[in-house]
């Protein structure tokens, strides 16, 4: 099912959230940017600068703290294909496009919404 990340009504991008770990309440998948992604991309690039290897350890704690602070102020929301808002704890876009090319975008979401998990 297609999920959309929005910010103040603008479409940041989409993902099918192909991978899910119900125990960790985590879902992730390939991210396809929308028109508003360019507005938030610099914030997600801060994360890439702080954690230059996907899945690696942070190399710059100050940048990582700036990233978390800026990301949390964006007011991102996740909606499903029916337009229903999904309650999330965090929305993260891993943007390694500068290092690995255009396809190196992944959406990762921590989902609190019980209905998302079939509950």
Protein backbone atom coordinates (compact mmCIF):
# COMPACT_ATOMS: atom_id res chain seq x y z
CA UNK A 1 0.00 0.00 0.00
CA UNK A 2 1.29 3.43 -0.91
CA UNK A 3 2.04 5.75 2.00
CA UNK A 4 2.62 9.47 1.67
CA UNK A 5 4.79 11.74 3.81
CA UNK A 6 3.34 15.23 4.09
CA UNK A 7 4.42 18.51 5.63
CA UNK A 8 1.74 21.16 6.13
CA UNK A 9 -0.30 19.58 3.34
CA UNK A 10 2.62 19.43 0.89
CA UNK A 11 3.71 16.04 -0.47
CA UNK A 12 7.27 15.26 0.59
CA UNK A 13 7.22 11.81 -1.00
CA UNK A 14 5.87 8.27 -1.12
CA UNK A 15 6.83 4.75 -0.08
CA UNK A 16 5.23 1.33 -0.11
CA UNK A 17 6.98 0.61 3.22
CA UNK A 18 7.81 -2.83 1.87
CA UNK A 19 9.65 -3.99 5.01
CA UNK A 20 8.05 -4.25 8.44
CA UNK A 21 9.12 -5.29 11.91
CA UNK A 22 5.97 -5.35 14.05
CA UNK A 23 7.87 -6.15 17.25
CA UNK A 24 9.98 -2.99 16.86
CA UNK A 25 7.02 -1.01 15.43
CA UNK A 26 9.29 -0.09 12.51
CA UNK A 27 8.44 0.03 8.80
CA UNK A 28 10.72 1.04 5.94
CA UNK A 29 11.04 0.99 2.18
CA UNK A 30 12.20 2.76 -0.95
CA UNK A 31 11.37 6.48 -0.89
CA UNK A 32 10.20 8.36 -3.97
CA UNK A 33 10.50 12.11 -3.43
CA UNK A 34 7.64 14.51 -4.14
CA UNK A 35 7.72 18.19 -5.01
CA UNK A 36 8.24 19.30 -1.39
CA UNK A 37 11.21 17.01 -0.74
CA UNK A 38 13.66 19.71 -1.81
CA UNK A 39 12.38 21.83 1.11
CA UNK A 40 13.38 19.21 3.69
CA UNK A 41 16.31 17.52 1.96
CA UNK A 42 18.98 19.69 3.65
CA UNK A 43 17.76 18.48 7.04
CA UNK A 44 17.97 14.81 6.08
CA UNK A 45 21.40 15.42 4.57
CA UNK A 46 22.53 16.57 8.03
CA UNK A 47 21.90 13.01 9.17
CA UNK A 48 23.95 11.65 6.27
CA UNK A 49 26.82 13.95 7.21
CA UNK A 50 26.62 12.82 10.84
CA UNK A 51 26.26 9.12 9.94
CA UNK A 52 28.11 8.74 6.62
CA UNK A 53 27.71 4.96 6.37
CA UNK A 54 24.20 3.52 6.18
CA UNK A 55 23.63 1.61 9.41
CA UNK A 56 26.94 2.88 10.79
CA UNK A 57 27.87 4.73 13.92
CA UNK A 58 27.58 8.53 14.18
CA UNK A 59 30.79 10.40 13.41
CA UNK A 60 29.48 13.85 14.33
CA UNK A 61 27.26 13.97 17.42
CA UNK A 62 26.68 17.74 17.08
CA UNK A 63 25.28 17.37 13.54
CA UNK A 64 23.21 14.41 14.66
CA UNK A 65 21.67 16.49 17.46
CA UNK A 66 20.97 19.34 15.00
CA UNK A 67 19.34 16.86 12.65
CA UNK A 68 17.02 15.45 15.34
CA UNK A 69 16.05 18.94 16.50
CA UNK A 70 15.34 20.19 12.96
CA UNK A 71 13.51 17.01 11.90
CA UNK A 72 11.25 17.10 14.92
CA UNK A 73 10.20 20.68 14.08
CA UNK A 74 9.13 19.79 10.51
CA UNK A 75 5.74 18.44 11.53
CA UNK A 76 5.92 15.54 9.09
CA UNK A 77 2.96 13.19 8.93
CA UNK A 78 2.31 9.84 7.31
CA UNK A 79 -0.98 9.08 5.54
CA UNK A 80 -2.15 5.88 3.89
CA UNK A 81 -3.64 5.46 0.41
CA UNK A 82 -7.10 6.33 1.80
CA UNK A 83 -5.81 9.60 3.27
CA UNK A 84 -5.95 8.34 6.87
CA UNK A 85 -3.30 9.83 9.14
CA UNK A 86 -1.07 7.18 10.75
CA UNK A 87 0.23 7.92 14.24
CA UNK A 88 4.04 7.86 14.22
CA UNK A 89 6.82 8.34 16.77
CA UNK A 90 9.39 9.33 14.11
CA UNK A 91 9.70 9.73 10.35
CA UNK A 92 13.20 9.51 8.86
CA UNK A 93 14.39 9.72 5.27
CA UNK A 94 17.82 8.16 4.73
CA UNK A 95 19.27 10.21 1.87
CA UNK A 96 22.58 8.79 0.66
CA UNK A 97 22.10 10.05 -2.90
CA UNK A 98 25.30 12.11 -2.94
CA UNK A 99 27.39 9.04 -2.09
CA UNK A 100 25.41 6.25 -3.79
CA UNK A 101 23.26 7.77 -6.53
CA UNK A 102 19.63 8.74 -7.11
CA UNK A 103 18.16 5.47 -5.85
CA UNK A 104 19.75 5.70 -2.38
CA UNK A 105 16.63 7.03 -0.64
CA UNK A 106 14.76 5.11 2.03
CA UNK A 107 11.85 6.03 4.28
CA UNK A 108 11.92 4.67 7.83
CA UNK A 109 8.99 5.15 10.18
CA UNK A 110 8.37 4.24 13.81
CA UNK A 111 4.62 3.56 13.86
CA UNK A 112 2.48 3.74 17.02
CA UNK A 113 -0.80 3.25 15.14
CA UNK A 114 -2.33 -0.13 16.09
CA UNK A 115 -4.50 -0.24 12.94
CA UNK A 116 -1.35 -0.07 10.81
CA UNK A 117 -0.18 -3.29 12.45
CA UNK A 118 -3.55 -4.95 12.02
CA UNK A 119 -4.76 -4.34 15.56
